[in-house]
PDB file of N, CA and C in Angstrom:
ATOM      1  N   UNK A   1     152.759  58.752  96.182  1.00  0.00           N
ATOM      2  CA  UNK A   1     151.052  58.466  96.775  1.00  0.00           C
ATOM      3  C   UNK A   1     150.505  59.606  96.864  1.00  0.00           C
ATOM      4  N   UNK A   2     149.068  60.094  96.830  1.00  0.00           N
ATOM      5  CA  UNK A   2     148.415  61.058  96.945  1.00  0.00           C
ATOM      6  C   UNK A   2     148.699  61.792  98.557  1.00  0.00           C
ATOM      7  N   UNK A   3     148.290  62.868  98.516  1.00  0.00           N
ATOM      8  CA  UNK A   3     148.712  63.407 100.105  1.00  0.00           C
ATOM      9  C   UNK A   3     147.047  63.145 100.874  1.00  0.00           C
ATOM     10  N   UNK A   4     147.126  62.387 102.094  1.00  0.00           N
ATOM     11  CA  UNK A   4     146.497  62.140 103.405  1.00  0.00           C
ATOM     12  C   UNK A   4     146.220  63.469 103.857  1.00  0.00           C
ATOM     13  N   UNK A   5     144.634  63.359 103.932  1.00  0.00           N
ATOM     14  CA  UNK A   5     144.067  64.598 104.753  1.00  0.00           C
ATOM     15  C   UNK A   5     143.697  63.592 106.467  1.00  0.00           C
ATOM     16  N   UNK A   6     145.207  63.778 107.074  1.00  0.00           N
ATOM     17  CA  UNK A   6     145.086  63.203 108.248  1.00  0.00           C
ATOM     18  C   UNK A   6     144.292  63.948 109.260  1.00  0.00           C
ATOM     19  N   UNK A   7     143.763  65.286 109.205  1.00  0.00           N
ATOM     20  CA  UNK A   7     143.094  65.951 110.183  1.00  0.00           C
ATOM     21  C   UNK A   7     141.391  65.497 109.863  1.00  0.00           C
ATOM     22  N   UNK A   8     141.244  65.076 108.493  1.00  0.00           N
ATOM     23  CA  UNK A   8     139.894  64.938 108.398  1.00  0.00           C
ATOM     24  C   UNK A   8     139.785  63.391 108.801  1.00  0.00           C
ATOM     25  N   UNK A   9     140.665  62.397 109.060  1.00  0.00           N
ATOM     26  CA  UNK A   9     140.779  61.276 109.389  1.00  0.00           C
ATOM     27  C   UNK A   9     140.288  61.106 110.576  1.00  0.00           C
ATOM     28  N   UNK A  10     141.334  61.969 111.661  1.00  0.00           N
ATOM     29  CA  UNK A  10     140.927  62.037 112.841  1.00  0.00           C
ATOM     30  C   UNK A  10     139.976  62.715 113.195  1.00  0.00           C
ATOM     31  N   UNK A  11     139.085  63.762 112.414  1.00  0.00           N
ATOM     32  CA  UNK A  11     137.803  64.003 113.310  1.00  0.00           C
ATOM     33  C   UNK A  11     136.919  63.009 112.600  1.00  0.00           C
ATOM     34  N   UNK A  12     136.939  61.814 111.761  1.00  0.00           N
ATOM     35  CA  UNK A  12     136.028  60.806 111.566  1.00  0.00           C
ATOM     36  C   UNK A  12     136.444  59.684 112.910  1.00  0.00           C
ATOM     37  N   UNK A  13     137.510  59.599 113.073  1.00  0.00           N
ATOM     38  CA  UNK A  13     137.959  58.942 113.800  1.00  0.00           C
ATOM     39  C   UNK A  13     137.186  59.025 115.633  1.00  0.00           C
ATOM     40  N   UNK A  14     137.638  60.547 115.707  1.00  0.00           N
ATOM     41  CA  UNK A  14     136.799  60.415 117.024  1.00  0.00           C
ATOM     42  C   UNK A  14     135.538  60.873 116.844  1.00  0.00           C
ATOM     43  N   UNK A  15     134.559  60.807 115.733  1.00  0.00           N
ATOM     44  CA  UNK A  15     133.329  60.618 115.653  1.00  0.00           C
ATOM     45  C   UNK A  15     132.937  59.667 116.088  1.00  0.00           C
ATOM     46  N   UNK A  16     133.688  58.572 115.455  1.00  0.00           N
ATOM     47  CA  UNK A  16     133.499  56.805 115.509  1.00  0.00           C
ATOM     48  C   UNK A  16     133.033  56.530 116.979  1.00  0.00           C
ATOM     49  N   UNK A  17     134.738  57.342 117.684  1.00  0.00           N
ATOM     50  CA  UNK A  17     134.556  56.630 119.164  1.00  0.00           C
ATOM     51  C   UNK A  17     133.350  57.080 119.975  1.00  0.00           C
ATOM     52  N   UNK A  18     132.964  57.772 119.698  1.00  0.00           N
ATOM     53  CA  UNK A  18     131.729  58.795 120.462  1.00  0.00           C
ATOM     54  C   UNK A  18     130.313  58.069 119.880  1.00  0.00           C
ATOM     55  N   UNK A  19     130.158  57.298 119.074  1.00  0.00           N
ATOM     56  CA  UNK A  19     128.936  56.557 118.524  1.00  0.00           C
ATOM     57  C   UNK A  19     128.215  55.629 119.960  1.00  0.00           C
ATOM     58  N   UNK A  20     127.213  55.418 119.630  1.00  0.00           N
ATOM     59  CA  UNK A  20     126.596  54.869 120.836  1.00  0.00           C
ATOM     60  C   UNK A  20     126.654  53.484 120.242  1.00  0.00           C
ATOM     61  N   UNK A  21     125.928  53.016 118.802  1.00  0.00           N
ATOM     62  CA  UNK A  21     126.015  52.028 118.753  1.00  0.00           C
ATOM     63  C   UNK A  21     127.273  51.320 117.667  1.00  0.00           C
ATOM     64  N   UNK A  22     128.220  51.566 118.590  1.00  0.00           N
ATOM     65  CA  UNK A  22     129.713  50.985 117.641  1.00  0.00           C
ATOM     66  C   UNK A  22     129.955  49.719 118.675  1.00  0.00           C
ATOM     67  N   UNK A  23     130.495  48.703 118.186  1.00  0.00           N
ATOM     68  CA  UNK A  23     130.973  47.789 119.036  1.00  0.00           C
ATOM     69  C   UNK A  23     132.345  47.930 119.397  1.00  0.00           C
ATOM     70  N   UNK A  24     132.915  47.194 120.733  1.00  0.00           N
ATOM     71  CA  UNK A  24     134.267  47.784 121.542  1.00  0.00           C
ATOM     72  C   UNK A  24     135.289  47.539 120.793  1.00  0.00           C
ATOM     73  N   UNK A  25     135.032  46.507 119.664  1.00  0.00           N
ATOM     74  CA  UNK A  25     136.352  46.316 118.883  1.00  0.00           C
ATOM     75  C   UNK A  25     136.791  47.467 118.197  1.00  0.00           C
ATOM     76  N   UNK A  26     135.453  47.602 117.257  1.00  0.00           N
ATOM     77  CA  UNK A  26     135.641  49.016 116.616  1.00  0.00           C
ATOM     78  C   UNK A  26     136.134  50.624 117.365  1.00  0.00           C
ATOM     79  N   UNK A  27     135.289  50.344 118.583  1.00  0.00           N
ATOM     80  CA  UNK A  27     135.601  51.586 119.300  1.00  0.00           C
ATOM     81  C   UNK A  27     137.236  51.739 119.219  1.00  0.00           C
ATOM     82  N   UNK A  28     137.945  50.715 119.862  1.00  0.00           N
ATOM     83  CA  UNK A  28     139.136  50.209 119.810  1.00  0.00           C
ATOM     84  C   UNK A  28     140.093  50.686 118.740  1.00  0.00           C
ATOM     85  N   UNK A  29     139.467  50.007 117.384  1.00  0.00           N
ATOM     86  CA  UNK A  29     140.299  50.551 116.228  1.00  0.00           C
ATOM     87  C   UNK A  29     140.057  51.905 116.119  1.00  0.00           C
ATOM     88  N   UNK A  30     138.985  52.641 116.442  1.00  0.00           N
ATOM     89  CA  UNK A  30     138.985  54.172 116.083  1.00  0.00           C
ATOM     90  C   UNK A  30     139.600  54.899 116.981  1.00  0.00           C
ATOM     91  N   UNK A  31     139.949  54.468 118.358  1.00  0.00           N
ATOM     92  CA  UNK A  31     141.160  55.191 119.497  1.00  0.00           C
ATOM     93  C   UNK A  31     142.298  55.097 118.584  1.00  0.00           C
ATOM     94  N   UNK A  32     142.549  54.172 118.596  1.00  0.00           N
ATOM     95  CA  UNK A  32     143.847  53.697 117.399  1.00  0.00           C
ATOM     96  C   UNK A  32     144.249  54.584 116.385  1.00  0.00           C
ATOM     97  N   UNK A  33     143.127  54.893 115.561  1.00  0.00           N
ATOM     98  CA  UNK A  33     143.164  55.421 114.324  1.00  0.00           C
ATOM     99  C   UNK A  33     143.445  56.902 114.733  1.00  0.00           C
ATOM    100  N   UNK A  34     142.523  57.817 115.704  1.00  0.00           N
ATOM    101  CA  UNK A  34     142.462  58.686 116.073  1.00  0.00           C
ATOM    102  C   UNK A  34     143.686  59.173 116.520  1.00  0.00           C
ATOM    103  N   UNK A  35     144.629  58.483 117.209  1.00  0.00           N
ATOM    104  CA  UNK A  35     145.883  58.698 117.927  1.00  0.00           C
ATOM    105  C   UNK A  35     147.051  58.739 116.741  1.00  0.00           C
ATOM    106  N   UNK A  36     146.802  58.100 115.696  1.00  0.00           N
ATOM    107  CA  UNK A  36     147.914  57.544 115.143  1.00  0.00           C
ATOM    108  C   UNK A  36     147.719  58.835 114.227  1.00  0.00           C
ATOM    109  N   UNK A  37     146.498  59.246 113.358  1.00  0.00           N
ATOM    110  CA  UNK A  37     146.303  60.312 112.881  1.00  0.00           C
ATOM    111  C   UNK A  37     146.917  61.367 113.291  1.00  0.00           C
ATOM    112  N   UNK A  38     146.174  61.744 114.685  1.00  0.00           N
ATOM    113  CA  UNK A  38     146.835  63.035 115.389  1.00  0.00           C
ATOM    114  C   UNK A  38     147.935  62.941 115.171  1.00  0.00           C
ATOM    115  N   UNK A  39     149.097  61.547 115.008  1.00  0.00           N
ATOM    116  CA  UNK A  39     150.700  62.202 115.027  1.00  0.00           C
ATOM    117  C   UNK A  39     150.816  62.336 113.982  1.00  0.00           C
ATOM    118  N   UNK A  40     150.371  62.014 112.563  1.00  0.00           N
ATOM    119  CA  UNK A  40     150.968  62.056 111.526  1.00  0.00           C
ATOM    120  C   UNK A  40     150.648  63.556 110.680  1.00  0.00           C
ATOM    121  N   UNK A  41     149.814  64.291 111.524  1.00  0.00           N
ATOM    122  CA  UNK A  41     149.394  65.590 111.256  1.00  0.00           C
ATOM    123  C   UNK A  41     150.706  66.490 111.282  1.00  0.00           C
ATOM    124  N   UNK A  42     151.337  66.262 111.858  1.00  0.00           N
ATOM    125  CA  UNK A  42     152.809  67.091 111.955  1.00  0.00           C
ATOM    126  C   UNK A  42     153.672  66.386 111.030  1.00  0.00           C
ATOM    127  N   UNK A  43     154.413  67.256 110.295  1.00  0.00           N
ATOM    128  CA  UNK A  43     154.964  67.052 108.935  1.00  0.00           C
ATOM    129  C   UNK A  43     156.036  66.107 108.824  1.00  0.00           C
ATOM    130  N   UNK A  44     156.467  66.625 110.087  1.00  0.00           N
ATOM    131  CA  UNK A  44     157.573  65.755 110.475  1.00  0.00           C
ATOM    132  C   UNK A  44     157.903  64.367 111.003  1.00  0.00           C
ATOM    133  N   UNK A  45     156.673  63.995 110.956  1.00  0.00           N
ATOM    134  CA  UNK A  45     156.543  62.798 111.842  1.00  0.00           C
ATOM    135  C   UNK A  45     155.740  61.748 110.954  1.00  0.00           C
ATOM    136  N   UNK A  46     156.382  60.705 111.103  1.00  0.00           N
ATOM    137  CA  UNK A  46     155.439  59.587 110.152  1.00  0.00           C
ATOM    138  C   UNK A  46     156.702  58.857 109.026  1.00  0.00           C
ATOM    139  N   UNK A  47     155.967  57.789 108.202  1.00  0.00           N
ATOM    140  CA  UNK A  47     156.631  57.131 107.083  1.00  0.00           C
ATOM    141  C   UNK A  47     155.606  56.429 106.481  1.00  0.00           C
ATOM    142  N   UNK A  48     156.018  56.203 105.155  1.00  0.00           N
ATOM    143  CA  UNK A  48     155.342  54.936 104.139  1.00  0.00           C
ATOM    144  C   UNK A  48     154.076  54.325 105.315  1.00  0.00           C
ATOM    145  N   UNK A  49     154.990  53.455 106.127  1.00  0.00           N
ATOM    146  CA  UNK A  49     154.213  52.292 106.595  1.00  0.00           C
ATOM    147  C   UNK A  49     153.332  53.004 107.423  1.00  0.00           C
ATOM    148  N   UNK A  50     153.538  53.909 108.257  1.00  0.00           N
ATOM    149  CA  UNK A  50     152.445  54.300 109.073  1.00  0.00           C
ATOM    150  C   UNK A  50     150.879  54.800 107.986  1.00  0.00           C
ATOM    151  N   UNK A  51     151.304  55.296 106.791  1.00  0.00           N
ATOM    152  CA  UNK A  51     150.360  56.251 106.063  1.00  0.00           C
ATOM    153  C   UNK A  51     149.378  54.630 105.442  1.00  0.00           C
ATOM    154  N   UNK A  52     150.171  53.792 105.022  1.00  0.00           N
ATOM    155  CA  UNK A  52     149.478  52.899 104.401  1.00  0.00           C
ATOM    156  C   UNK A  52     148.488  52.139 105.576  1.00  0.00           C
ATOM    157  N   UNK A  53     149.151  51.931 106.890  1.00  0.00           N
ATOM    158  CA  UNK A  53     148.399  51.606 108.067  1.00  0.00           C
ATOM    159  C   UNK A  53     147.249  51.939 107.988  1.00  0.00           C
ATOM    160  N   UNK A  54     147.005  53.782 107.972  1.00  0.00           N
ATOM    161  CA  UNK A  54     145.926  54.317 108.662  1.00  0.00           C
ATOM    162  C   UNK A  54     145.227  54.438 107.696  1.00  0.00           C
ATOM    163  N   UNK A  55     145.592  54.480 106.589  1.00  0.00           N
ATOM    164  CA  UNK A  55     144.453  54.350 105.256  1.00  0.00           C
ATOM    165  C   UNK A  55     143.813  52.956 105.453  1.00  0.00           C
ATOM    166  N   UNK A  56     144.298  52.014 105.591  1.00  0.00           N
ATOM    167  CA  UNK A  56     143.881  50.415 105.892  1.00  0.00           C
ATOM    168  C   UNK A  56     142.570  50.596 106.836  1.00  0.00           C
ATOM    169  N   UNK A  57     143.575  51.446 107.872  1.00  0.00           N
ATOM    170  CA  UNK A  57     142.068  51.096 109.197  1.00  0.00           C
ATOM    171  C   UNK A  57     141.022  51.864 109.174  1.00  0.00           C
ATOM    172  N   UNK A  58     141.057  53.388 108.504  1.00  0.00           N
ATOM    173  CA  UNK A  58     140.312  53.943 107.547  1.00  0.00           C
ATOM    174  C   UNK A  58     139.366  53.467 107.153  1.00  0.00           C
ATOM    175  N   UNK A  59     139.832  52.709 105.811  1.00  0.00           N
ATOM    176  CA  UNK A  59     138.825  52.074 105.055  1.00  0.00           C
ATOM    177  C   UNK A  59     138.324  51.202 105.865  1.00  0.00           C
ATOM    178  N   UNK A  60     138.506  50.061 106.717  1.00  0.00           N
ATOM    179  CA  UNK A  60     137.809  49.338 107.286  1.00  0.00           C
ATOM    180  C   UNK A  60     136.782  49.799 108.067  1.00  0.00           C
ATOM    181  N   UNK A  61     137.373  50.867 108.916  1.00  0.00           N
ATOM    182  CA  UNK A  61     135.985  51.414 110.077  1.00  0.00           C
ATOM    183  C   UNK A  61     135.007  51.800 108.625  1.00  0.00           C
ATOM    184  N   UNK A  62     135.366  52.650 107.929  1.00  0.00           N
ATOM    185  CA  UNK A  62     134.145  53.298 106.793  1.00  0.00           C
ATOM    186  C   UNK A  62     133.564  52.001 106.493  1.00  0.00           C
ATOM    187  N   UNK A  63     134.051  50.916 105.888  1.00  0.00           N
ATOM    188  CA  UNK A  63     133.435  49.832 105.017  1.00  0.00           C
ATOM    189  C   UNK A  63     132.501  49.251 106.357  1.00  0.00           C
ATOM    190  N   UNK A  64     133.216  49.002 107.568  1.00  0.00           N
ATOM    191  CA  UNK A  64     132.095  47.983 108.746  1.00  0.00           C
ATOM    192  C   UNK A  64     130.951  48.740 109.577  1.00  0.00           C
ATOM    193  N   UNK A  65     131.399  50.189 109.313  1.00  0.00           N
ATOM    194  CA  UNK A  65     130.424  51.219 109.784  1.00  0.00           C
ATOM    195  C   UNK A  65     129.340  51.090 109.578  1.00  0.00           C
ATOM    196  N   UNK A  66     128.147  50.712 110.817  1.00  0.00           N
ATOM    197  CA  UNK A  66     126.793  50.705 110.163  1.00  0.00           C
ATOM    198  C   UNK A  66     126.323  51.847 110.206  1.00  0.00           C
ATOM    199  N   UNK A  67     126.109  52.653 108.673  1.00  0.00           N
ATOM    200  CA  UNK A  67     125.589  54.030 109.554  1.00  0.00           C
ATOM    201  C   UNK A  67     126.776  54.939 109.723  1.00  0.00           C
ATOM    202  N   UNK A  68     128.064  54.722 110.038  1.00  0.00           N
ATOM    203  CA  UNK A  68     128.745  55.659 110.307  1.00  0.00           C
ATOM    204  C   UNK A  68     129.424  56.776 109.531  1.00  0.00           C
ATOM    205  N   UNK A  69     130.167  57.809 109.793  1.00  0.00           N
ATOM    206  CA  UNK A  69     130.263  58.843 108.573  1.00  0.00           C
ATOM    207  C   UNK A  69     131.214  58.379 107.748  1.00  0.00           C
TER     208      UNK A  69
END
């Protein structure tokens, strides 16, 4: 699996949390994504299942975000 840029994902998730026009559901998802990505920045933490989860969450927020980063 290719290297995942958790720093960039965390940065995007944090920006999504601060958007004014985001639904409460997406805001909670962005918060969870930010927390998980922040933990996975540590190379001694994480597992393949968490990597798959974070990629799925990030992809979902990218796809469903209305004009979000």
